[in-house]
Protein backbone atom coordinates (compact mmCIF):
# COMPACT_ATOMS: atom_id res chain seq x y z
CA MET A 1 105.12 82.37 116.10
CA PRO A 2 107.04 84.78 118.30
CA VAL A 3 108.21 86.22 115.48
CA ASN A 4 106.80 87.18 111.67
CA ILE A 5 108.09 88.70 109.07
CA THR A 6 106.06 90.21 105.97
CA VAL A 7 107.22 90.67 103.11
CA LYS A 8 106.16 94.20 102.45
CA LYS A 9 104.62 94.60 98.50
CA ASN A 10 107.09 96.62 96.39
CA GLY A 11 109.48 97.19 99.54
CA SER A 12 111.01 95.43 102.59
CA TYR A 13 110.87 92.58 105.46
CA ARG A 14 108.68 93.82 108.15
CA VAL A 15 110.64 92.03 111.07
CA GLU A 16 108.13 91.66 113.95
CA ALA A 17 108.25 89.65 117.97
CA THR A 18 104.50 88.91 118.63
CA ASP A 19 105.69 88.04 122.14
CA GLY A 20 108.15 91.10 122.85
CA THR A 21 110.56 89.54 122.29
CA GLU A 22 114.41 90.51 121.40
CA ILE A 23 115.18 89.96 117.72
CA LYS A 24 118.95 89.61 116.95
CA VAL A 25 120.10 90.21 113.90
CA VAL A 26 124.39 89.46 113.31
CA ASP A 27 126.69 90.27 110.48
CA ALA A 28 128.64 87.75 108.31
CA ASP A 29 130.94 88.20 111.41
CA GLY A 30 128.86 87.11 113.24
CA LYS A 31 129.04 90.92 115.26
CA ALA A 32 125.14 91.18 116.07
CA PHE A 33 123.97 94.57 115.29
CA ASP A 34 122.62 97.36 118.48
CA LEU A 35 118.75 96.34 118.56
CA ARG A 36 118.05 96.70 122.16
CA GLY A 37 114.82 97.22 123.25
CA LYS A 38 113.73 96.97 119.24
CA THR A 39 110.60 94.56 119.05
CA ALA A 40 110.38 95.32 115.06
CA PHE A 41 112.51 96.57 112.21
CA SER A 42 112.84 96.74 108.30
CA LEU A 43 115.55 95.38 106.57
CA CYS A 44 116.15 95.89 102.81
CA ARG A 45 115.37 94.32 99.63
CA CYS A 46 116.34 96.17 97.19
CA GLY A 47 119.95 96.87 97.60
CA HIS A 48 119.56 100.17 97.58
CA SER A 49 119.41 101.37 101.36
CA ALA A 50 122.00 103.81 103.06
CA ASN A 51 121.53 101.85 105.93
CA LYS A 52 122.23 98.06 104.63
CA PRO A 53 120.90 95.66 106.13
CA PHE A 54 117.92 98.31 107.12
CA CYS A 55 115.60 99.32 104.67
CA ASP A 56 115.90 103.27 104.78
CA GLY A 57 112.84 103.42 102.49
CA SER A 58 115.08 104.00 99.22
CA HIS A 59 112.25 101.33 97.38
CA SER A 60 109.53 103.65 96.84
CA ARG A 61 112.82 106.50 95.64
CA ILE A 62 114.07 103.50 92.97
CA GLY A 63 110.50 102.44 92.06
CA PHE A 64 111.63 98.89 93.35
CA GLN A 65 109.16 96.20 92.15
CA ALA A 66 108.29 92.67 93.60
CA ASP A 67 106.44 89.80 92.02
CA ASP A 68 106.80 87.75 95.98
CA VAL A 69 103.51 86.22 96.80
CA ALA A 70 103.74 83.04 98.59
CA PRO A 71 102.51 79.94 95.98
CA ARG A 72 98.75 78.72 96.76
CA VAL A 73 99.10 74.49 97.48
CA GLU A 74 95.81 72.70 97.22
CA GLY A 75 94.52 71.04 100.30
CA VAL A 76 96.13 74.03 102.82
CA GLN A 77 94.03 76.82 104.04
CA GLN A 78 95.87 79.79 103.88
CA PRO A 79 96.17 82.71 106.78
């Protein structure tokens, strides 16, 4: 898999290109954010970042809590 998205506990979504590929993020109008040279970044999920859609660490300041865990499926080995 060339891109991994990791749900950080009570934090951001960490997006990483495992093979060094550049990742593209576009806004609702299809305009790309300038991510030249970046193969990893974090996306806000608490809604309080001053740099949306990117994380600025606001989740720590506001005490953001989330219950996000992948459901366990019987018979499927987890990574």
